[in-house]
C-alpha atoms as a PDB file:
ATOM      1  CA  MET A   1     125.019-162.640-150.401  1.00  0.00           C
ATOM      2  CA  ALA A   2     125.258-160.871-146.959  1.00  0.00           C
ATOM      3  CA  PHE A   3     123.219-164.083-145.727  1.00  0.00           C
ATOM      4  CA  ASP A   4     125.695-166.233-147.401  1.00  0.00           C
ATOM      5  CA  ALA A   5     128.502-164.618-145.817  1.00  0.00           C
ATOM      6  CA  ASN A   6     126.910-165.013-142.281  1.00  0.00           C
ATOM      7  CA  GLU A   7     126.192-161.476-141.696  1.00  0.00           C
ATOM      8  CA  ASP A   8     122.811-161.854-140.484  1.00  0.00           C
ATOM      9  CA  GLY A   9     122.311-157.968-139.387  1.00  0.00           C
ATOM     10  CA  LEU A  10     123.435-156.806-142.623  1.00  0.00           C
ATOM     11  CA  ALA A  11     121.494-159.408-144.479  1.00  0.00           C
ATOM     12  CA  GLN A  12     118.106-158.491-142.527  1.00  0.00           C
ATOM     13  CA  ARG A  13     118.890-154.887-143.556  1.00  0.00           C
ATOM     14  CA  TRP A  14     119.322-155.743-147.361  1.00  0.00           C
ATOM     15  CA  TYR A  15     116.022-158.205-147.150  1.00  0.00           C
ATOM     16  CA  LEU A  16     113.837-155.081-145.772  1.00  0.00           C
ATOM     17  CA  THR A  17     115.288-152.619-148.470  1.00  0.00           C
ATOM     18  CA  ALA A  18     114.458-155.292-151.121  1.00  0.00           C
ATOM     19  CA  LEU A  19     111.091-156.014-149.681  1.00  0.00           C
ATOM     20  CA  ARG A  20     110.359-152.231-149.614  1.00  0.00           C
ATOM     21  CA  ALA A  21     111.434-151.908-153.201  1.00  0.00           C
ATOM     22  CA  ALA A  22     109.220-155.006-154.108  1.00  0.00           C
ATOM     23  CA  HIS A  23     106.160-153.484-152.446  1.00  0.00           C
ATOM     24  CA  ALA A  24     106.909-150.084-154.334  1.00  0.00           C
ATOM     25  CA  ALA A  25     107.083-151.981-157.632  1.00  0.00           C
ATOM     26  CA  ARG A  26     104.115-153.634-156.818  1.00  0.00           C
ATOM     27  CA  ASP A  27     105.475-157.213-157.326  1.00  0.00           C
ATOM     28  CA  PRO A  28     103.975-159.378-154.868  1.00  0.00           C
ATOM     29  CA  GLY A  29     105.737-162.550-156.288  1.00  0.00           C
ATOM     30  CA  LEU A  30     109.284-160.881-155.381  1.00  0.00           C
ATOM     31  CA  ALA A  31     108.136-159.746-152.085  1.00  0.00           C
ATOM     32  CA  ALA A  32     106.729-163.121-151.303  1.00  0.00           C
ATOM     33  CA  SER A  33     110.173-164.644-152.227  1.00  0.00           C
ATOM     34  CA  ILE A  34     111.868-162.187-150.195  1.00  0.00           C
ATOM     35  CA  LEU A  35     109.863-162.925-147.091  1.00  0.00           C
ATOM     36  CA  ALA A  36     110.326-166.548-147.539  1.00  0.00           C
ATOM     37  CA  LEU A  37     114.056-165.897-147.753  1.00  0.00           C
ATOM     38  CA  MET A  38     113.682-163.990-144.469  1.00  0.00           C
ATOM     39  CA  SER A  39     111.741-166.872-143.058  1.00  0.00           C
ATOM     40  CA  ASN A  40     114.634-169.278-144.103  1.00  0.00           C
ATOM     41  CA  GLN A  41     117.128-166.803-142.423  1.00  0.00           C
ATOM     42  CA  ALA A  42     114.871-167.202-138.947  1.00  0.00           C
ATOM     43  CA  ALA A  43     114.656-170.844-139.275  1.00  0.00           C
ATOM     44  CA  ASP A  44     118.498-171.017-139.951  1.00  0.00           C
ATOM     45  CA  ARG A  45     118.932-169.216-136.761  1.00  0.00           C
ATOM     46  CA  GLY A  46     116.503-171.468-134.903  1.00  0.00           C
ATOM     47  CA  HIS A  47     113.946-168.781-134.541  1.00  0.00           C
ATOM     48  CA  ALA A  48     110.834-170.951-135.097  1.00  0.00           C
ATOM     49  CA  LEU A  49     108.104-168.390-134.370  1.00  0.00           C
ATOM     50  CA  ASP A  50     109.690-165.625-136.397  1.00  0.00           C
ATOM     51  CA  ALA A  51     110.169-168.211-139.329  1.00  0.00           C
ATOM     52  CA  LEU A  52     106.369-169.308-139.224  1.00  0.00           C
ATOM     53  CA  GLN A  53     105.094-165.716-139.223  1.00  0.00           C
ATOM     54  CA  LEU A  54     107.485-164.668-142.144  1.00  0.00           C
ATOM     55  CA  ALA A  55     106.434-167.865-143.947  1.00  0.00           C
ATOM     56  CA  SER A  56     102.764-166.989-143.373  1.00  0.00           C
ATOM     57  CA  ALA A  57     103.414-163.544-144.944  1.00  0.00           C
ATOM     58  CA  ALA A  58     105.156-165.008-147.744  1.00  0.00           C
ATOM     59  CA  GLN A  59     102.236-167.299-148.797  1.00  0.00           C
ATOM     60  CA  GLU A  60      99.597-164.383-148.349  1.00  0.00           C
ATOM     61  CA  SER A  61     101.916-162.486-150.701  1.00  0.00           C
ATOM     62  CA  ALA A  62     102.312-165.308-153.313  1.00  0.00           C
ATOM     63  CA  ALA A  63      98.473-166.094-153.427  1.00  0.00           C
ATOM     64  CA  LYS A  64      98.024-164.552-156.906  1.00  0.00           C
ATOM     65  CA  THR A  65     101.398-165.210-158.451  1.00  0.00           C
ATOM     66  CA  PRO A  66     102.742-168.023-161.091  1.00  0.00           C
ATOM     67  CA  PRO A  67     102.383-171.636-159.684  1.00  0.00           C
ATOM     68  CA  ALA A  68     105.926-172.057-159.624  1.00  0.00           C
ATOM     69  CA  VAL A  69     106.453-169.018-157.310  1.00  0.00           C
ATOM     70  CA  ARG A  70     103.920-170.272-154.993  1.00  0.00           C
ATOM     71  CA  SER A  71     105.731-173.952-155.189  1.00  0.00           C
ATOM     72  CA  LEU A  72     108.941-172.228-154.233  1.00  0.00           C
ATOM     73  CA  VAL A  73     107.332-170.386-151.270  1.00  0.00           C
ATOM     74  CA  ALA A  74     105.795-173.582-149.990  1.00  0.00           C
ATOM     75  CA  ALA A  75     108.919-175.529-150.185  1.00  0.00           C
ATOM     76  CA  ARG A  76     110.888-172.672-148.047  1.00  0.00           C
ATOM     77  CA  SER A  77     107.859-172.292-145.706  1.00  0.00           C
ATOM     78  CA  GLY A  78     108.535-176.100-144.945  1.00  0.00           C
ATOM     79  CA  LEU A  79     111.665-175.048-143.432  1.00  0.00           C
ATOM     80  CA  ALA A  80     110.028-173.074-140.886  1.00  0.00           C
ATOM     81  CA  HIS A  81     107.697-176.049-139.852  1.00  0.00           C
ATOM     82  CA  ALA A  82     110.771-178.323-139.892  1.00  0.00           C
ATOM     83  CA  VAL A  83     112.361-176.176-137.231  1.00  0.00           C
ATOM     84  CA  ALA A  84     109.264-176.005-135.195  1.00  0.00           C
ATOM     85  CA  GLY A  85     109.014-180.007-135.374  1.00  0.00           C
ATOM     86  CA  ASP A  86     105.607-179.768-137.077  1.00  0.00           C
ATOM     87  CA  LEU A  87     105.554-182.831-138.947  1.00  0.00           C
ATOM     88  CA  THR A  88     101.968-182.524-140.289  1.00  0.00           C
ATOM     89  CA  SER A  89     102.353-178.942-141.567  1.00  0.00           C
ATOM     90  CA  PHE A  90     105.763-179.800-142.930  1.00  0.00           C
ATOM     91  CA  PHE A  91     104.454-182.698-145.209  1.00  0.00           C
ATOM     92  CA  HIS A  92     101.324-180.274-145.972  1.00  0.00           C
ATOM     93  CA  LYS A  93     103.795-177.989-147.421  1.00  0.00           C
ATOM     94  CA  ARG A  94     105.610-180.729-149.270  1.00  0.00           C
ATOM     95  CA  GLU A  95     102.210-181.682-151.056  1.00  0.00           C
ATOM     96  CA  ASN A  96     101.459-178.208-152.059  1.00  0.00           C
ATOM     97  CA  THR A  97     104.951-177.750-153.542  1.00  0.00           C
ATOM     98  CA  LEU A  98     104.402-180.736-155.764  1.00  0.00           C
ATOM     99  CA  ALA A  99     100.872-179.771-156.684  1.00  0.00           C
ATOM    100  CA  LEU A 100     101.758-176.278-157.610  1.00  0.00           C
ATOM    101  CA  LEU A 101     105.122-177.524-159.494  1.00  0.00           C
ATOM    102  CA  ASP A 102     102.553-179.578-161.660  1.00  0.00           C
ATOM    103  CA  THR A 103      99.874-176.894-162.288  1.00  0.00           C
ATOM    104  CA  THR A 104      99.629-175.396-165.529  1.00  0.00           C
ATOM    105  CA  PRO A 105     101.047-171.569-165.510  1.00  0.00           C
ATOM    106  CA  ASP A 106      98.457-168.885-165.670  1.00  0.00           C
ATOM    107  CA  ALA A 107     100.895-166.274-165.956  1.00  0.00           C
ATOM    108  CA  PRO A 108     104.488-165.888-167.290  1.00  0.00           C
ATOM    109  CA  LEU A 109     107.262-166.807-164.771  1.00  0.00           C
ATOM    110  CA  PRO A 110     109.455-163.844-163.657  1.00  0.00           C
ATOM    111  CA  PRO A 111     113.147-163.956-164.734  1.00  0.00           C
ATOM    112  CA  TRP A 112     114.493-163.970-161.421  1.00  0.00           C
ATOM    113  CA  ALA A 113     112.521-167.424-160.828  1.00  0.00           C
ATOM    114  CA  SER A 114     114.037-169.199-163.580  1.00  0.00           C
ATOM    115  CA  TYR A 115     115.954-171.549-161.379  1.00  0.00           C
ATOM    116  CA  ILE A 116     113.096-173.109-159.866  1.00  0.00           C
ATOM    117  CA  ASP A 117     112.757-176.782-160.756  1.00  0.00           C
ATOM    118  CA  ARG A 118     112.099-180.279-159.125  1.00  0.00           C
ATOM    119  CA  VAL A 119     115.694-180.683-158.172  1.00  0.00           C
ATOM    120  CA  GLU A 120     116.104-177.339-156.301  1.00  0.00           C
ATOM    121  CA  LEU A 121     112.711-177.990-154.439  1.00  0.00           C
ATOM    122  CA  ASP A 122     113.396-181.373-153.522  1.00  0.00           C
ATOM    123  CA  ALA A 123     116.848-180.066-152.234  1.00  0.00           C
ATOM    124  CA  ILE A 124     115.109-177.538-150.138  1.00  0.00           C
ATOM    125  CA  THR A 125     112.571-180.137-148.570  1.00  0.00           C
ATOM    126  CA  GLY A 126     115.452-182.606-148.148  1.00  0.00           C
ATOM    127  CA  ARG A 127     117.217-179.976-145.880  1.00  0.00           C
ATOM    128  CA  GLY A 128     113.966-179.568-144.156  1.00  0.00           C
ATOM    129  CA  LEU A 129     113.634-183.385-143.411  1.00  0.00           C
ATOM    130  CA  VAL A 130     117.390-183.484-141.777  1.00  0.00           C
ATOM    131  CA  VAL A 131     116.053-180.680-139.367  1.00  0.00           C
ATOM    132  CA  LEU A 132     112.951-182.262-138.987  1.00  0.00           C
ATOM    133  CA  ALA A 133     114.918-185.674-137.982  1.00  0.00           C
ATOM    134  CA  GLU A 134     116.413-183.702-135.504  1.00  0.00           C
ATOM    135  CA  GLN A 135     113.140-182.393-133.925  1.00  0.00           C
ATOM    136  CA  VAL A 136     111.269-185.572-134.023  1.00  0.00           C
ATOM    137  CA  PRO A 137     113.527-188.421-133.101  1.00  0.00           C
ATOM    138  CA  ILE A 138     110.918-191.121-133.353  1.00  0.00           C
ATOM    139  CA  GLN A 139     110.508-190.631-136.826  1.00  0.00           C
ATOM    140  CA  ARG A 140     114.287-190.309-137.410  1.00  0.00           C
ATOM    141  CA  PRO A 141     115.078-193.035-139.831  1.00  0.00           C
ATOM    142  CA  ALA A 142     112.176-192.685-142.214  1.00  0.00           C
ATOM    143  CA  LEU A 143     112.751-188.910-142.336  1.00  0.00           C
ATOM    144  CA  LEU A 144     116.699-189.267-143.190  1.00  0.00           C
ATOM    145  CA  ARG A 145     115.917-192.111-145.760  1.00  0.00           C
ATOM    146  CA  GLN A 146     113.492-189.677-147.523  1.00  0.00           C
ATOM    147  CA  ALA A 147     115.989-186.748-147.073  1.00  0.00           C
ATOM    148  CA  GLY A 148     118.654-188.816-148.852  1.00  0.00           C
ATOM    149  CA  ARG A 149     116.585-189.436-151.533  1.00  0.00           C
ATOM    150  CA  LEU A 150     115.392-185.904-151.963  1.00  0.00           C
ATOM    151  CA  LEU A 151     118.899-184.172-151.627  1.00  0.00           C
ATOM    152  CA  HIS A 152     120.934-186.725-153.817  1.00  0.00           C
ATOM    153  CA  ALA A 153     120.185-185.065-157.286  1.00  0.00           C
ATOM    154  CA  ARG A 154     121.393-181.681-156.279  1.00  0.00           C
ATOM    155  CA  ALA A 155     124.277-182.861-154.198  1.00  0.00           C
ATOM    156  CA  HIS A 156     125.409-184.830-157.148  1.00  0.00           C
ATOM    157  CA  THR A 157     125.151-181.989-159.565  1.00  0.00           C
ATOM    158  CA  SER A 158     127.782-181.862-162.437  1.00  0.00           C
ATOM    159  CA  PRO A 159     130.882-179.810-161.458  1.00  0.00           C
ATOM    160  CA  THR A 160     130.244-178.076-164.677  1.00  0.00           C
ATOM    161  CA  ASP A 161     126.642-177.030-164.145  1.00  0.00           C
ATOM    162  CA  LEU A 162     125.870-173.486-162.746  1.00  0.00           C
ATOM    163  CA  PRO A 163     124.225-174.054-159.089  1.00  0.00           C
ATOM    164  CA  GLN A 164     127.531-175.253-157.441  1.00  0.00           C
ATOM    165  CA  ARG A 165     126.728-173.152-154.358  1.00  0.00           C
ATOM    166  CA  SER A 166     123.375-175.221-153.846  1.00  0.00           C
ATOM    167  CA  ALA A 167     125.145-178.522-154.821  1.00  0.00           C
ATOM    168  CA  LEU A 168     127.739-177.819-152.130  1.00  0.00           C
ATOM    169  CA  ARG A 169     125.402-176.730-149.339  1.00  0.00           C
ATOM    170  CA  HIS A 170     122.935-179.503-150.053  1.00  0.00           C
ATOM    171  CA  GLY A 171     125.618-182.055-150.473  1.00  0.00           C
ATOM    172  CA  ALA A 172     126.871-180.982-146.826  1.00  0.00           C
ATOM    173  CA  TRP A 173     123.292-181.794-145.476  1.00  0.00           C
ATOM    174  CA  LEU A 174     123.130-184.928-147.308  1.00  0.00           C
ATOM    175  CA  SER A 175     126.481-185.885-145.672  1.00  0.00           C
ATOM    176  CA  LEU A 176     124.879-185.041-142.495  1.00  0.00           C
ATOM    177  CA  ALA A 177     121.741-187.171-142.990  1.00  0.00           C
ATOM    178  CA  HIS A 178     123.834-189.901-143.985  1.00  0.00           C
ATOM    179  CA  HIS A 179     125.861-189.766-140.615  1.00  0.00           C
ATOM    180  CA  ALA A 180     122.752-189.307-138.815  1.00  0.00           C
ATOM    181  CA  ALA A 181     121.424-192.485-140.351  1.00  0.00           C
ATOM    182  CA  GLY A 182     124.513-194.480-139.335  1.00  0.00           C
ATOM    183  CA  ASP A 183     126.093-194.860-142.809  1.00  0.00           C
ATOM    184  CA  LEU A 184     129.668-193.250-142.490  1.00  0.00           C
ATOM    185  CA  ASP A 185     131.022-194.481-145.664  1.00  0.00           C
ATOM    186  CA  LEU A 186     128.378-192.487-147.684  1.00  0.00           C
ATOM    187  CA  ALA A 187     128.703-189.549-145.228  1.00  0.00           C
ATOM    188  CA  VAL A 188     132.630-189.427-146.030  1.00  0.00           C
ATOM    189  CA  SER A 189     132.067-189.762-149.931  1.00  0.00           C
ATOM    190  CA  THR A 190     129.551-187.069-149.988  1.00  0.00           C
ATOM    191  CA  ALA A 191     131.462-184.717-147.686  1.00  0.00           C
ATOM    192  CA  ARG A 192     134.389-185.130-150.149  1.00  0.00           C
ATOM    193  CA  LEU A 193     132.144-184.397-153.065  1.00  0.00           C
ATOM    194  CA  ALA A 194     130.949-181.144-151.483  1.00  0.00           C
ATOM    195  CA  LEU A 195     134.558-180.143-150.529  1.00  0.00           C
ATOM    196  CA  GLY A 196     135.348-180.650-154.228  1.00  0.00           C
ATOM    197  CA  ARG A 197     133.182-177.735-155.079  1.00  0.00           C
ATOM    198  CA  LEU A 198     135.026-175.096-152.913  1.00  0.00           C
ATOM    199  CA  PRO A 199     137.152-173.640-155.538  1.00  0.00           C
ATOM    200  CA  ALA A 200     133.795-172.597-157.321  1.00  0.00           C
ATOM    201  CA  VAL A 201     132.033-171.237-154.302  1.00  0.00           C
ATOM    202  CA  SER A 202     132.647-168.506-151.830  1.00  0.00           C
ATOM    203  CA  SER A 203     130.144-169.395-149.048  1.00  0.00           C
ATOM    204  CA  VAL A 204     131.026-168.564-145.596  1.00  0.00           C
ATOM    205  CA  ARG A 205     127.675-170.041-144.277  1.00  0.00           C
ATOM    206  CA  SER A 206     128.465-173.488-146.171  1.00  0.00           C
ATOM    207  CA  VAL A 207     131.985-173.434-144.911  1.00  0.00           C
ATOM    208  CA  ALA A 208     130.342-173.228-141.584  1.00  0.00           C
ATOM    209  CA  LEU A 209     128.033-176.310-142.413  1.00  0.00           C
ATOM    210  CA  LEU A 210     131.285-178.121-143.248  1.00  0.00           C
ATOM    211  CA  HIS A 211     132.449-177.408-140.000  1.00  0.00           C
ATOM    212  CA  ARG A 212     129.455-178.556-138.118  1.00  0.00           C
ATOM    213  CA  LEU A 213     129.872-182.080-140.332  1.00  0.00           C
ATOM    214  CA  HIS A 214     133.385-182.083-139.102  1.00  0.00           C
ATOM    215  CA  ASP A 215     132.283-181.803-135.591  1.00  0.00           C
ATOM    216  CA  GLU A 216     129.766-184.539-135.951  1.00  0.00           C
ATOM    217  CA  LEU A 217     131.988-187.045-137.651  1.00  0.00           C
ATOM    218  CA  ALA A 218     134.733-186.484-135.224  1.00  0.00           C
ATOM    219  CA  PRO A 219     133.559-189.170-132.730  1.00  0.00           C
ATOM    220  CA  ALA A 220     133.911-191.817-135.457  1.00  0.00           C
ATOM    221  CA  ALA A 221     137.547-191.244-136.005  1.00  0.00           C
ATOM    222  CA  PRO A 222     138.937-193.777-133.698  1.00  0.00           C
ATOM    223  CA  ARG A 223     137.455-196.456-135.772  1.00  0.00           C
ATOM    224  CA  SER A 224     137.320-195.175-139.290  1.00  0.00           C
ATOM    225  CA  PRO A 225     140.486-194.287-141.383  1.00  0.00           C
ATOM    226  CA  ALA A 226     138.225-192.630-144.063  1.00  0.00           C
ATOM    227  CA  VAL A 227     136.750-190.513-141.353  1.00  0.00           C
ATOM    228  CA  ARG A 228     140.056-189.394-140.165  1.00  0.00           C
ATOM    229  CA  ASP A 229     141.183-188.583-143.845  1.00  0.00           C
ATOM    230  CA  ILE A 230     138.008-186.250-144.246  1.00  0.00           C
ATOM    231  CA  LEU A 231     138.506-184.770-140.863  1.00  0.00           C
ATOM    232  CA  ARG A 232     142.002-183.589-141.747  1.00  0.00           C
ATOM    233  CA  GLU A 233     140.674-181.936-145.092  1.00  0.00           C
ATOM    234  CA  LEU A 234     137.607-180.381-143.166  1.00  0.00           C
ATOM    235  CA  ARG A 235     140.134-179.088-140.358  1.00  0.00           C
ATOM    236  CA  GLU A 236     142.048-177.107-143.195  1.00  0.00           C
ATOM    237  CA  LEU A 237     138.923-174.917-143.845  1.00  0.00           C
ATOM    238  CA  PRO A 238     138.945-171.458-142.390  1.00  0.00           C
ATOM    239  CA  ARG A 239     137.007-170.945-139.187  1.00  0.00           C
ATOM    240  CA  THR A 240     134.356-168.185-139.487  1.00  0.00           C
ATOM    241  CA  SER A 241     133.324-165.532-137.080  1.00  0.00           C
ATOM    242  CA  PRO A 242     129.910-165.719-135.458  1.00  0.00           C
ATOM    243  CA  ALA A 243     127.014-164.404-137.272  1.00  0.00           C
ATOM    244  CA  ARG A 244     126.204-160.794-136.369  1.00  0.00           C
END
């Protein structure tokens, strides 16, 4: 919740508290998930080396956990490689994610991990592909096409289904992908879909992502009435304070 509120310093303290508790409880799967979330926080802030080190620790902790947990950790670890611009390692993590997801479980899945499914893991990888496209311009068109395919299902989650926060966040990433690929119509329609989820979601970090979308769409406003309309809606969102 602190991470989602853009309170990075507070989030780090909570993650470390949770990590100590997971170690004390001898729960390596939970410890792995926390380390992977810490890696994602570092990746989100552009700290590639920290993200990679935390991802490695997460994978080590997850080594003997159920396949679905290892699959989640692999998907999250891919984000660290995306920020680092490491195309080969990113796709290796994608292969691991899919292979583990299809592996027959050898132990019960912990209750906290019940949300792990193909749609969510695809969305995490899709987000990484958008980041990777920024880091590896020569591969941008292909990476953005794949990102669009992987983000689509989560971004188009039914408004009555539970993961509205994930749907909003990944919908914003999908809009960014469409814009980067040069498809303004899809970028606008996807942004509007994401905006429609705000009444059900309180997420400072996601609103900040929508502000980024505003800034990236803005240069197209003079030639697109649809862009001008969505920019007016995006400007009405509250501005957030910088992360601490």
